[in-house]
Amino acid sequence: MTDANLPDRLSTDPSSPFHDAELLARGIGIRFRGAERTNVEEYCVSEGWVRVSLGNKVDRKGKPLTMKLTGPVEPYLREQD
């Protein structure tokens, strides 16, 4: 799979319909507004947003608390060493 074939939307949450465990295991990197982000829980390229986790805070169901940020999103495959 090349960077051009990456999905428009991807989530790290296994209960999400946009979750793809195989692709996440290969390693996806996210550039948001030109900077590398490592705390992205979900992204959507066409709508131009990412959901980032807020540290170690979790909701009452144990899922991480997130904040939605808007701007240009560039997903890419990380190099496998």
PDB file of N, CA and C in Angstrom:
ATOM      1  N   MET A   1       0.845  -1.172   0.000  1.00  0.00           N
ATOM      2  CA  MET A   1       0.000   0.000   0.000  1.00  0.00           C
ATOM      3  C   MET A   1       0.891   1.235   0.000  1.00  0.00           C
ATOM      4  N   THR A   2       0.590   2.173  -0.865  1.00  0.00           N
ATOM      5  CA  THR A   2       1.352   3.416  -0.932  1.00  0.00           C
ATOM      6  C   THR A   2       0.626   4.496  -0.159  1.00  0.00           C
ATOM      7  N   ASP A   3       1.297   5.649  -0.003  1.00  0.00           N
ATOM      8  CA  ASP A   3       0.673   6.758   0.710  1.00  0.00           C
ATOM      9  C   ASP A   3      -0.600   7.227   0.012  1.00  0.00           C
ATOM     10  N   ALA A   4      -0.659   7.090  -1.311  1.00  0.00           N
ATOM     11  CA  ALA A   4      -1.846   7.515  -2.056  1.00  0.00           C
ATOM     12  C   ALA A   4      -3.042   6.605  -1.775  1.00  0.00           C
ATOM     13  N   ASN A   5      -2.805   5.364  -1.343  1.00  0.00           N
ATOM     14  CA  ASN A   5      -3.881   4.407  -1.087  1.00  0.00           C
ATOM     15  C   ASN A   5      -4.336   4.371   0.361  1.00  0.00           C
ATOM     16  N   LEU A   6      -3.831   5.256   1.201  1.00  0.00           N
ATOM     17  CA  LEU A   6      -4.250   5.276   2.604  1.00  0.00           C
ATOM     18  C   LEU A   6      -5.705   5.705   2.693  1.00  0.00           C
ATOM     19  N   PRO A   7      -6.441   5.200   3.678  1.00  0.00           N
ATOM     20  CA  PRO A   7      -7.857   5.546   3.785  1.00  0.00           C
ATOM     21  C   PRO A   7      -8.053   7.019   4.142  1.00  0.00           C
ATOM     22  N   ASP A   8      -9.201   7.553   3.731  1.00  0.00           N
ATOM     23  CA  ASP A   8      -9.552   8.939   4.019  1.00  0.00           C
ATOM     24  C   ASP A   8      -9.750   9.151   5.516  1.00  0.00           C
ATOM     25  N   ARG A   9     -10.241   8.118   6.197  1.00  0.00           N
ATOM     26  CA  ARG A   9     -10.512   8.220   7.632  1.00  0.00           C
ATOM     27  C   ARG A   9     -10.037   6.956   8.311  1.00  0.00           C
ATOM     28  N   LEU A  10      -9.390   7.115   9.475  1.00  0.00           N
ATOM     29  CA  LEU A  10      -8.855   5.970  10.207  1.00  0.00           C
ATOM     30  C   LEU A  10      -8.917   6.261  11.693  1.00  0.00           C
ATOM     31  N   SER A  11      -9.247   5.233  12.486  1.00  0.00           N
ATOM     32  CA  SER A  11      -9.370   5.377  13.933  1.00  0.00           C
ATOM     33  C   SER A  11      -8.582   4.280  14.637  1.00  0.00           C
ATOM     34  N   THR A  12      -8.046   4.601  15.815  1.00  0.00           N
ATOM     35  CA  THR A  12      -7.346   3.601  16.617  1.00  0.00           C
ATOM     36  C   THR A  12      -8.287   2.841  17.543  1.00  0.00           C
ATOM     37  N   ASP A  13      -9.531   3.283  17.651  1.00  0.00           N
ATOM     38  CA  ASP A  13     -10.525   2.658  18.525  1.00  0.00           C
ATOM     39  C   ASP A  13     -11.092   1.395  17.858  1.00  0.00           C
ATOM     40  N   PRO A  14     -10.896   0.210  18.450  1.00  0.00           N
ATOM     41  CA  PRO A  14     -11.380  -1.034  17.836  1.00  0.00           C
ATOM     42  C   PRO A  14     -12.896  -1.094  17.642  1.00  0.00           C
ATOM     43  N   SER A  15     -13.668  -0.331  18.378  1.00  0.00           N
ATOM     44  CA  SER A  15     -15.126  -0.356  18.219  1.00  0.00           C
ATOM     45  C   SER A  15     -15.604   0.572  17.105  1.00  0.00           C
ATOM     46  N   SER A  16     -14.712   1.334  16.489  1.00  0.00           N
ATOM     47  CA  SER A  16     -15.071   2.264  15.422  1.00  0.00           C
ATOM     48  C   SER A  16     -15.185   1.531  14.090  1.00  0.00           C
ATOM     49  N   PRO A  17     -16.117   1.933  13.237  1.00  0.00           N
ATOM     50  CA  PRO A  17     -16.191   1.324  11.902  1.00  0.00           C
ATOM     51  C   PRO A  17     -15.008   1.718  11.013  1.00  0.00           C
ATOM     52  N   PHE A  18     -14.225   2.704  11.417  1.00  0.00           N
ATOM     53  CA  PHE A  18     -13.077   3.168  10.649  1.00  0.00           C
ATOM     54  C   PHE A  18     -11.760   2.584  11.152  1.00  0.00           C
ATOM     55  N   HIS A  19     -11.826   1.559  12.005  1.00  0.00           N
ATOM     56  CA  HIS A  19     -10.638   0.909  12.558  1.00  0.00           C
ATOM     57  C   HIS A  19     -10.108  -0.133  11.577  1.00  0.00           C
ATOM     58  N   ASP A  20      -8.790  -0.137  11.336  1.00  0.00           N
ATOM     59  CA  ASP A  20      -8.135  -1.133  10.478  1.00  0.00           C
ATOM     60  C   ASP A  20      -6.864  -1.586  11.197  1.00  0.00           C
ATOM     61  N   ALA A  21      -6.950  -2.711  11.900  1.00  0.00           N
ATOM     62  CA  ALA A  21      -5.841  -3.193  12.731  1.00  0.00           C
ATOM     63  C   ALA A  21      -4.595  -3.505  11.912  1.00  0.00           C
ATOM     64  N   GLU A  22      -4.751  -4.107  10.725  1.00  0.00           N
ATOM     65  CA  GLU A  22      -3.605  -4.444   9.885  1.00  0.00           C
ATOM     66  C   GLU A  22      -2.827  -3.202   9.483  1.00  0.00           C
ATOM     67  N   LEU A  23      -3.546  -2.187   9.064  1.00  0.00           N
ATOM     68  CA  LEU A  23      -2.907  -0.944   8.633  1.00  0.00           C
ATOM     69  C   LEU A  23      -2.232  -0.239   9.800  1.00  0.00           C
ATOM     70  N   LEU A  24      -2.864  -0.224  10.948  1.00  0.00           N
ATOM     71  CA  LEU A  24      -2.272   0.408  12.128  1.00  0.00           C
ATOM     72  C   LEU A  24      -1.015  -0.331  12.576  1.00  0.00           C
ATOM     73  N   ALA A  25      -0.998  -1.649  12.419  1.00  0.00           N
ATOM     74  CA  ALA A  25       0.178  -2.439  12.795  1.00  0.00           C
ATOM     75  C   ALA A  25       1.368  -2.136  11.880  1.00  0.00           C
ATOM     76  N   ARG A  26       1.094  -1.777  10.633  1.00  0.00           N
ATOM     77  CA  ARG A  26       2.177  -1.422   9.697  1.00  0.00           C
ATOM     78  C   ARG A  26       2.828  -0.105  10.077  1.00  0.00           C
ATOM     79  N   GLY A  27       2.073   0.782  10.692  1.00  0.00           N
ATOM     80  CA  GLY A  27       2.619   2.056  11.140  1.00  0.00           C
ATOM     81  C   GLY A  27       2.164   3.221  10.277  1.00  0.00           C
ATOM     82  N   ILE A  28       1.324   4.052  10.824  1.00  0.00           N
ATOM     83  CA  ILE A  28       0.820   5.234  10.134  1.00  0.00           C
ATOM     84  C   ILE A  28       1.353   6.458  10.854  1.00  0.00           C
ATOM     85  N   GLY A  29       1.885   7.397  10.104  1.00  0.00           N
ATOM     86  CA  GLY A  29       2.313   8.672  10.663  1.00  0.00           C
ATOM     87  C   GLY A  29       1.352   9.755  10.222  1.00  0.00           C
ATOM     88  N   ILE A  30       1.209  10.791  11.022  1.00  0.00           N
ATOM     89  CA  ILE A  30       0.298  11.898  10.705  1.00  0.00           C
ATOM     90  C   ILE A  30       1.057  13.211  10.784  1.00  0.00           C
ATOM     91  N   ARG A  31       0.991  13.969   9.703  1.00  0.00           N
ATOM     92  CA  ARG A  31       1.468  15.350   9.730  1.00  0.00           C
ATOM     93  C   ARG A  31       0.228  16.233   9.771  1.00  0.00           C
ATOM     94  N   PHE A  32       0.120  17.045  10.799  1.00  0.00           N
ATOM     95  CA  PHE A  32      -1.022  17.937  10.957  1.00  0.00           C
ATOM     96  C   PHE A  32      -0.497  19.359  11.023  1.00  0.00           C
ATOM     97  N   ARG A  33      -0.934  20.181  10.088  1.00  0.00           N
ATOM     98  CA  ARG A  33      -0.445  21.559   9.949  1.00  0.00           C
ATOM     99  C   ARG A  33       1.075  21.592   9.805  1.00  0.00           C
ATOM    100  N   GLY A  34       1.625  20.596   9.130  1.00  0.00           N
ATOM    101  CA  GLY A  34       3.050  20.545   8.859  1.00  0.00           C
ATOM    102  C   GLY A  34       3.906  19.957   9.968  1.00  0.00           C
ATOM    103  N   ALA A  35       3.327  19.613  11.108  1.00  0.00           N
ATOM    104  CA  ALA A  35       4.080  19.066  12.235  1.00  0.00           C
ATOM    105  C   ALA A  35       3.689  17.607  12.470  1.00  0.00           C
ATOM    106  N   GLU A  36       4.655  16.792  12.872  1.00  0.00           N
ATOM    107  CA  GLU A  36       4.409  15.375  13.189  1.00  0.00           C
ATOM    108  C   GLU A  36       3.616  15.282  14.488  1.00  0.00           C
ATOM    109  N   ARG A  37       2.498  14.535  14.467  1.00  0.00           N
ATOM    110  CA  ARG A  37       1.692  14.324  15.673  1.00  0.00           C
ATOM    111  C   ARG A  37       1.744  12.855  16.050  1.00  0.00           C
ATOM    112  N   THR A  38       1.963  12.579  17.331  1.00  0.00           N
ATOM    113  CA  THR A  38       2.036  11.193  17.792  1.00  0.00           C
ATOM    114  C   THR A  38       0.850  10.801  18.661  1.00  0.00           C
ATOM    115  N   ASN A  39      -0.015  11.746  18.998  1.00  0.00           N
ATOM    116  CA  ASN A  39      -1.140  11.455  19.884  1.00  0.00           C
ATOM    117  C   ASN A  39      -2.481  11.467  19.155  1.00  0.00           C
ATOM    118  N   VAL A  40      -2.497  11.177  17.860  1.00  0.00           N
ATOM    119  CA  VAL A  40      -3.723  11.195  17.060  1.00  0.00           C
ATOM    120  C   VAL A  40      -4.502   9.896  17.287  1.00  0.00           C
ATOM    121  N   GLU A  41      -5.761  10.034  17.674  1.00  0.00           N
ATOM    122  CA  GLU A  41      -6.643   8.881  17.876  1.00  0.00           C
ATOM    123  C   GLU A  41      -7.449   8.571  16.610  1.00  0.00           C
ATOM    124  N   GLU A  42      -7.769   9.597  15.823  1.00  0.00           N
ATOM    125  CA  GLU A  42      -8.567   9.430  14.610  1.00  0.00           C
ATOM    126  C   GLU A  42      -8.281  10.611  13.696  1.00  0.00           C
ATOM    127  N   TYR A  43      -8.371  10.378  12.380  1.00  0.00           N
ATOM    128  CA  TYR A  43      -8.200  11.482  11.439  1.00  0.00           C
ATOM    129  C   TYR A  43      -9.157  11.342  10.278  1.00  0.00           C
ATOM    130  N   CYS A  44      -9.416  12.461   9.584  1.00  0.00           N
ATOM    131  CA  CYS A  44     -10.204  12.480   8.357  1.00  0.00           C
ATOM    132  C   CYS A  44      -9.561  13.503   7.427  1.00  0.00           C
ATOM    133  N   VAL A  45      -9.040  13.039   6.303  1.00  0.00           N
ATOM    134  CA  VAL A  45      -8.339  13.915   5.373  1.00  0.00           C
ATOM    135  C   VAL A  45      -9.316  14.831   4.645  1.00  0.00           C
ATOM    136  N   SER A  46     -10.423  14.292   4.124  1.00  0.00           N
ATOM    137  CA  SER A  46     -11.348  15.086   3.317  1.00  0.00           C
ATOM    138  C   SER A  46     -12.021  16.199   4.118  1.00  0.00           C
ATOM    139  N   GLU A  47     -12.306  15.944   5.406  1.00  0.00           N
ATOM    140  CA  GLU A  47     -12.933  16.966   6.239  1.00  0.00           C
ATOM    141  C   GLU A  47     -11.899  17.837   6.944  1.00  0.00           C
ATOM    142  N   GLY A  48     -10.625  17.432   6.941  1.00  0.00           N
ATOM    143  CA  GLY A  48      -9.544  18.224   7.494  1.00  0.00           C
ATOM    144  C   GLY A  48      -9.552  18.344   9.008  1.00  0.00           C
ATOM    145  N   TRP A  49      -9.600  17.207   9.706  1.00  0.00           N
ATOM    146  CA  TRP A  49      -9.544  17.235  11.164  1.00  0.00           C
ATOM    147  C   TRP A  49      -8.844  16.009  11.718  1.00  0.00           C
ATOM    148  N   VAL A  50      -8.372  16.157  12.948  1.00  0.00           N
ATOM    149  CA  VAL A  50      -7.814  15.047  13.716  1.00  0.00           C
ATOM    150  C   VAL A  50      -8.398  15.100  15.117  1.00  0.00           C
ATOM    151  N   ARG A  51      -8.472  13.939  15.757  1.00  0.00           N
ATOM    152  CA  ARG A  51      -8.835  13.872  17.175  1.00  0.00           C
ATOM    153  C   ARG A  51      -7.581  13.459  17.914  1.00  0.00           C
ATOM    154  N   VAL A  52      -7.159  14.282  18.864  1.00  0.00           N
ATOM    155  CA  VAL A  52      -5.951  13.996  19.637  1.00  0.00           C
ATOM    156  C   VAL A  52      -6.331  13.711  21.076  1.00  0.00           C
ATOM    157  N   SER A  53      -5.582  12.804  21.692  1.00  0.00           N
ATOM    158  CA  SER A  53      -5.847  12.461  23.088  1.00  0.00           C
ATOM    159  C   SER A  53      -5.310  13.562  23.997  1.00  0.00           C
ATOM    160  N   LEU A  54      -5.958  13.726  25.134  1.00  0.00           N
ATOM    161  CA  LEU A  54      -5.580  14.745  26.107  1.00  0.00           C
ATOM    162  C   LEU A  54      -4.804  14.099  27.246  1.00  0.00           C
ATOM    163  N   GLY A  55      -3.590  13.700  26.967  1.00  0.00           N
ATOM    164  CA  GLY A  55      -2.750  13.082  27.989  1.00  0.00           C
ATOM    165  C   GLY A  55      -3.283  11.736  28.413  1.00  0.00           C
ATOM    166  N   ASN A  56      -3.278  11.485  29.725  1.00  0.00           N
ATOM    167  CA  ASN A  56      -3.749  10.205  30.269  1.00  0.00           C
ATOM    168  C   ASN A  56      -5.188  10.268  30.751  1.00  0.00           C
ATOM    169  N   LYS A  57      -5.901  11.335  30.428  1.00  0.00           N
ATOM    170  CA  LYS A  57      -7.288  11.470  30.882  1.00  0.00           C
ATOM    171  C   LYS A  57      -8.191  10.515  30.121  1.00  0.00           C
ATOM    172  N   VAL A  58      -9.101   9.868  30.854  1.00  0.00           N
ATOM    173  CA  VAL A  58     -10.046   8.940  30.242  1.00  0.00           C
ATOM    174  C   VAL A  58     -11.457   9.271  30.707  1.00  0.00           C
ATOM    175  N   ASP A  59     -12.445   8.854  29.889  1.00  0.00           N
ATOM    176  CA  ASP A  59     -13.831   9.045  30.296  1.00  0.00           C
ATOM    177  C   ASP A  59     -14.258   7.905  31.220  1.00  0.00           C
ATOM    178  N   ARG A  60     -15.496   7.875  31.614  1.00  0.00           N
ATOM    179  CA  ARG A  60     -15.946   6.857  32.580  1.00  0.00           C
ATOM    180  C   ARG A  60     -15.991   5.453  31.997  1.00  0.00           C
ATOM    181  N   LYS A  61     -15.889   5.335  30.663  1.00  0.00           N
ATOM    182  CA  LYS A  61     -15.842   4.015  30.032  1.00  0.00           C
ATOM    183  C   LYS A  61     -14.408   3.557  29.771  1.00  0.00           C
ATOM    184  N   GLY A  62     -13.424   4.377  30.149  1.00  0.00           N
ATOM    185  CA  GLY A  62     -12.031   4.010  29.987  1.00  0.00           C
ATOM    186  C   GLY A  62     -11.414   4.416  28.662  1.00  0.00           C
ATOM    187  N   LYS A  63     -12.170   5.115  27.802  1.00  0.00           N
ATOM    188  CA  LYS A  63     -11.636   5.574  26.521  1.00  0.00           C
ATOM    189  C   LYS A  63     -10.959   6.924  26.724  1.00  0.00           C
ATOM    190  N   PRO A  64      -9.902   7.206  25.969  1.00  0.00           N
ATOM    191  CA  PRO A  64      -9.195   8.480  26.156  1.00  0.00           C
ATOM    192  C   PRO A  64     -10.073   9.668  25.784  1.00  0.00           C
ATOM    193  N   LEU A  65      -9.932  10.755  26.563  1.00  0.00           N
ATOM    194  CA  LEU A  65     -10.607  11.995  26.209  1.00  0.00           C
ATOM    195  C   LEU A  65      -9.880  12.596  25.019  1.00  0.00           C
ATOM    196  N   THR A  66     -10.647  13.121  24.062  1.00  0.00           N
ATOM    197  CA  THR A  66     -10.046  13.659  22.855  1.00  0.00           C
ATOM    198  C   THR A  66     -10.544  15.067  22.580  1.00  0.00           C
ATOM    199  N   MET A  67      -9.772  15.758  21.740  1.00  0.00           N
ATOM    200  CA  MET A  67     -10.139  17.090  21.296  1.00  0.00           C
ATOM    201  C   MET A  67      -9.999  17.104  19.774  1.00  0.00           C
ATOM    202  N   LYS A  68     -10.969  17.722  19.098  1.00  0.00           N
ATOM    203  CA  LYS A  68     -10.959  17.775  17.639  1.00  0.00           C
ATOM    204  C   LYS A  68     -10.258  19.055  17.188  1.00  0.00           C
ATOM    205  N   LEU A  69      -9.241  18.899  16.335  1.00  0.00           N
ATOM    206  CA  LEU A  69      -8.500  20.029  15.782  1.00  0.00           C
ATOM    207  C   LEU A  69      -8.690  20.038  14.270  1.00  0.00           C
ATOM    208  N   THR A  70      -8.845  21.210  13.676  1.00  0.00           N
ATOM    209  CA  THR A  70      -9.044  21.302  12.235  1.00  0.00           C
ATOM    210  C   THR A  70      -7.823  21.899  11.560  1.00  0.00           C
ATOM    211  N   GLY A  71      -7.576  21.443  10.349  1.00  0.00           N
ATOM    212  CA  GLY A  71      -6.448  21.905   9.557  1.00  0.00           C
ATOM    213  C   GLY A  71      -6.052  20.834   8.555  1.00  0.00           C
ATOM    214  N   PRO A  72      -5.020  21.095   7.756  1.00  0.00           N
ATOM    215  CA  PRO A  72      -4.593  20.102   6.754  1.00  0.00           C
ATOM    216  C   PRO A  72      -3.975  18.860   7.405  1.00  0.00           C
ATOM    217  N   VAL A  73      -4.426  17.686   6.954  1.00  0.00           N
ATOM    218  CA  VAL A  73      -3.989  16.397   7.498  1.00  0.00           C
ATOM    219  C   VAL A  73      -3.272  15.616   6.398  1.00  0.00           C
ATOM    220  N   GLU A  74      -2.077  15.093   6.692  1.00  0.00           N
ATOM    221  CA  GLU A  74      -1.309  14.303   5.730  1.00  0.00           C
ATOM    222  C   GLU A  74      -0.895  12.978   6.370  1.00  0.00           C
ATOM    223  N   PRO A  75      -1.627  11.881   6.101  1.00  0.00           N
ATOM    224  CA  PRO A  75      -1.196  10.574   6.617  1.00  0.00           C
ATOM    225  C   PRO A  75      -0.121   9.979   5.705  1.00  0.00           C
ATOM    226  N   TYR A  76       0.776   9.178   6.272  1.00  0.00           N
ATOM    227  CA  TYR A  76       1.808   8.505   5.486  1.00  0.00           C
ATOM    228  C   TYR A  76       2.201   7.220   6.198  1.00  0.00           C
ATOM    229  N   LEU A  77       2.758   6.302   5.436  1.00  0.00           N
ATOM    230  CA  LEU A  77       3.268   5.043   6.008  1.00  0.00           C
ATOM    231  C   LEU A  77       4.652   5.300   6.573  1.00  0.00           C
ATOM    232  N   ARG A  78       4.869   4.859   7.797  1.00  0.00           N
ATOM    233  CA  ARG A  78       6.187   4.990   8.413  1.00  0.00           C
ATOM    234  C   ARG A  78       7.109   3.942   7.820  1.00  0.00           C
ATOM    235  N   GLU A  79       8.380   4.264   7.759  1.00  0.00           N
ATOM    236  CA  GLU A  79       9.380   3.328   7.235  1.00  0.00           C
ATOM    237  C   GLU A  79       9.570   2.181   8.209  1.00  0.00           C
ATOM    238  N   GLN A  80       9.590   0.960   7.696  1.00  0.00           N
ATOM    239  CA  GLN A  80       9.813  -0.219   8.519  1.00  0.00           C
ATOM    240  C   GLN A  80      11.305  -0.532   8.515  1.00  0.00           C
ATOM    241  N   ASP A  81      11.914  -0.560   9.689  1.00  0.00           N
ATOM    242  CA  ASP A  81      13.350  -0.858   9.786  1.00  0.00           C
ATOM    243  C   ASP A  81      13.593  -2.331   9.997  1.00  0.00           C
TER     244      ASP A  81
END
